Amino acid sequence: MVRPHDVGGAEGYGRVHPSPDEPPFEHVWEARVHAVHQQLVAAGVYSRDEGRDGIERLTATEYALGYYERRFLATVRLLQERGILGEDELAELILRDQP
């Protein structure tokens, strides 16, 4: 089965040229999504491979979102599958104190 992330052999994507002046996170919530993911992996709630699989199981529409949106949706899915936390609860934790 071909999933949206599977671009093996596809041309036209080119190299990634990161800017040295670009901050690692554009928004605070992105840093929080990253931190939550890292902590869940460190705590053994799910593995990095399971996290990657969570992203790879997103629909094409979901996968077309930005990196941290994909990470958020995959984390929600993994936590819901384990009966740990719902989307609203996780969003509240991540988006807390946002302007």
C-alpha atoms as a PDB file:
ATOM      1  CA  MET A   1       0.000   0.000   0.000  1.00  0.00           C
ATOM      2  CA  VAL A   2       1.320   3.444  -0.894  1.00  0.00           C
ATOM      3  CA  ARG A   3       0.950   6.055   1.836  1.00  0.00           C
ATOM      4  CA  PRO A   4       1.251   9.842   1.384  1.00  0.00           C
ATOM      5  CA  HIS A   5       4.733   9.939   2.929  1.00  0.00           C
ATOM      6  CA  ASP A   6       6.086   7.354   0.482  1.00  0.00           C
ATOM      7  CA  VAL A   7       7.870   9.456  -2.121  1.00  0.00           C
ATOM      8  CA  GLY A   8      10.580   6.914  -2.871  1.00  0.00           C
ATOM      9  CA  GLY A   9      11.906   7.490  -6.360  1.00  0.00           C
ATOM     10  CA  ALA A  10       9.888  10.679  -6.817  1.00  0.00           C
ATOM     11  CA  GLU A  11      11.787  13.572  -8.347  1.00  0.00           C
ATOM     12  CA  GLY A  12      11.553  17.303  -7.830  1.00  0.00           C
ATOM     13  CA  TYR A  13      11.878  17.549  -4.069  1.00  0.00           C
ATOM     14  CA  GLY A  14      15.500  18.664  -4.105  1.00  0.00           C
ATOM     15  CA  ARG A  15      17.801  19.137  -1.145  1.00  0.00           C
ATOM     16  CA  VAL A  16      16.820  20.809   2.072  1.00  0.00           C
ATOM     17  CA  HIS A  17      18.829  23.971   2.682  1.00  0.00           C
ATOM     18  CA  PRO A  18      18.157  25.090   6.262  1.00  0.00           C
ATOM     19  CA  SER A  19      18.888  28.687   7.132  1.00  0.00           C
ATOM     20  CA  PRO A  20      21.353  29.115  10.031  1.00  0.00           C
ATOM     21  CA  ASP A  21      19.274  32.112  11.181  1.00  0.00           C
ATOM     22  CA  GLU A  22      15.998  30.202  11.286  1.00  0.00           C
ATOM     23  CA  PRO A  23      14.736  29.411  14.803  1.00  0.00           C
ATOM     24  CA  PRO A  24      14.063  25.728  15.521  1.00  0.00           C
ATOM     25  CA  PHE A  25      10.417  26.481  16.351  1.00  0.00           C
ATOM     26  CA  GLU A  26       8.240  29.150  14.780  1.00  0.00           C
ATOM     27  CA  HIS A  27       5.648  28.958  17.569  1.00  0.00           C
ATOM     28  CA  VAL A  28       5.746  27.977  21.248  1.00  0.00           C
ATOM     29  CA  TRP A  29       3.202  25.210  20.697  1.00  0.00           C
ATOM     30  CA  GLU A  30       5.590  23.529  18.222  1.00  0.00           C
ATOM     31  CA  ALA A  31       8.272  23.309  20.906  1.00  0.00           C
ATOM     32  CA  ARG A  32       5.694  21.817  23.252  1.00  0.00           C
ATOM     33  CA  VAL A  33       4.618  19.191  20.722  1.00  0.00           C
ATOM     34  CA  HIS A  34       8.285  18.282  20.264  1.00  0.00           C
ATOM     35  CA  ALA A  35       8.898  18.137  24.024  1.00  0.00           C
ATOM     36  CA  VAL A  36       5.787  16.027  24.687  1.00  0.00           C
ATOM     37  CA  HIS A  37       6.832  13.566  21.976  1.00  0.00           C
ATOM     38  CA  GLN A  38      10.388  13.322  23.360  1.00  0.00           C
ATOM     39  CA  GLN A  39       9.125  12.751  26.903  1.00  0.00           C
ATOM     40  CA  LEU A  40       6.634  10.081  25.821  1.00  0.00           C
ATOM     41  CA  VAL A  41       9.390   8.213  23.988  1.00  0.00           C
ATOM     42  CA  ALA A  42      11.757   8.578  26.982  1.00  0.00           C
ATOM     43  CA  ALA A  43       9.034   7.288  29.321  1.00  0.00           C
ATOM     44  CA  GLY A  44       8.441   4.262  27.087  1.00  0.00           C
ATOM     45  CA  VAL A  45       4.837   5.169  26.263  1.00  0.00           C
ATOM     46  CA  TYR A  46       5.694   4.544  22.623  1.00  0.00           C
ATOM     47  CA  SER A  47       8.904   4.134  20.646  1.00  0.00           C
ATOM     48  CA  ARG A  48      10.362   6.422  18.003  1.00  0.00           C
ATOM     49  CA  ASP A  49       9.401   3.808  15.422  1.00  0.00           C
ATOM     50  CA  GLU A  50       5.817   3.814  16.679  1.00  0.00           C
ATOM     51  CA  GLY A  51       5.856   7.621  16.536  1.00  0.00           C
ATOM     52  CA  ARG A  52       7.028   7.509  12.944  1.00  0.00           C
ATOM     53  CA  ASP A  53       4.392   4.900  12.115  1.00  0.00           C
ATOM     54  CA  GLY A  54       1.773   7.185  13.679  1.00  0.00           C
ATOM     55  CA  ILE A  55       2.782   9.892  11.223  1.00  0.00           C
ATOM     56  CA  GLU A  56       2.854   7.445   8.326  1.00  0.00           C
ATOM     57  CA  ARG A  57      -0.715   6.329   9.131  1.00  0.00           C
ATOM     58  CA  LEU A  58      -2.116   9.847   8.732  1.00  0.00           C
ATOM     59  CA  THR A  59      -4.495  10.481   5.861  1.00  0.00           C
ATOM     60  CA  ALA A  60      -3.173  12.333   2.813  1.00  0.00           C
ATOM     61  CA  THR A  61      -4.972  15.488   3.997  1.00  0.00           C
ATOM     62  CA  GLU A  62      -3.474  15.217   7.482  1.00  0.00           C
ATOM     63  CA  TYR A  63      -0.038  14.434   6.091  1.00  0.00           C
ATOM     64  CA  ALA A  64      -0.169  17.589   3.944  1.00  0.00           C
ATOM     65  CA  LEU A  65      -0.141  19.701   7.127  1.00  0.00           C
ATOM     66  CA  GLY A  66       3.089  21.037   8.614  1.00  0.00           C
ATOM     67  CA  TYR A  67       5.616  18.900  10.483  1.00  0.00           C
ATOM     68  CA  TYR A  68       4.441  19.740  13.996  1.00  0.00           C
ATOM     69  CA  GLU A  69       0.785  19.398  13.062  1.00  0.00           C
ATOM     70  CA  ARG A  70       1.599  15.878  11.832  1.00  0.00           C
ATOM     71  CA  ARG A  71       3.533  15.127  15.020  1.00  0.00           C
ATOM     72  CA  PHE A  72       0.613  16.395  17.126  1.00  0.00           C
ATOM     73  CA  LEU A  73      -1.969  14.284  15.266  1.00  0.00           C
ATOM     74  CA  ALA A  74       0.228  11.184  15.427  1.00  0.00           C
ATOM     75  CA  THR A  75       0.798  11.686  19.167  1.00  0.00           C
ATOM     76  CA  VAL A  76      -2.931  12.104  19.739  1.00  0.00           C
ATOM     77  CA  ARG A  77      -3.624   8.905  17.801  1.00  0.00           C
ATOM     78  CA  LEU A  78      -1.019   6.919  19.728  1.00  0.00           C
ATOM     79  CA  LEU A  79      -2.260   8.173  23.110  1.00  0.00           C
ATOM     80  CA  GLN A  80      -5.885   7.519  22.170  1.00  0.00           C
ATOM     81  CA  GLU A  81      -5.028   3.990  21.026  1.00  0.00           C
ATOM     82  CA  ARG A  82      -3.475   3.383  24.425  1.00  0.00           C
ATOM     83  CA  GLY A  83      -6.430   4.969  26.260  1.00  0.00           C
ATOM     84  CA  ILE A  84      -4.145   7.545  27.890  1.00  0.00           C
ATOM     85  CA  LEU A  85      -5.290  10.957  26.701  1.00  0.00           C
ATOM     86  CA  GLY A  86      -7.828  12.487  24.356  1.00  0.00           C
ATOM     87  CA  GLU A  87      -7.220  15.107  21.673  1.00  0.00           C
ATOM     88  CA  ASP A  88      -8.902  17.877  23.663  1.00  0.00           C
ATOM     89  CA  GLU A  89      -6.830  17.107  26.751  1.00  0.00           C
ATOM     90  CA  LEU A  90      -3.557  17.076  24.819  1.00  0.00           C
ATOM     91  CA  ALA A  91      -4.442  20.259  22.934  1.00  0.00           C
ATOM     92  CA  GLU A  92      -5.168  21.962  26.266  1.00  0.00           C
ATOM     93  CA  LEU A  93      -1.753  20.962  27.602  1.00  0.00           C
ATOM     94  CA  ILE A  94       0.119  22.081  24.494  1.00  0.00           C
ATOM     95  CA  LEU A  95      -1.791  25.269  23.776  1.00  0.00           C
ATOM     96  CA  ARG A  96      -1.954  26.450  27.374  1.00  0.00           C
ATOM     97  CA  ASP A  97      -0.836  30.076  27.814  1.00  0.00           C
ATOM     98  CA  GLN A  98      -0.885  30.813  24.081  1.00  0.00           C
ATOM     99  CA  PRO A  99      -1.610  34.406  23.061  1.00  0.00           C
END
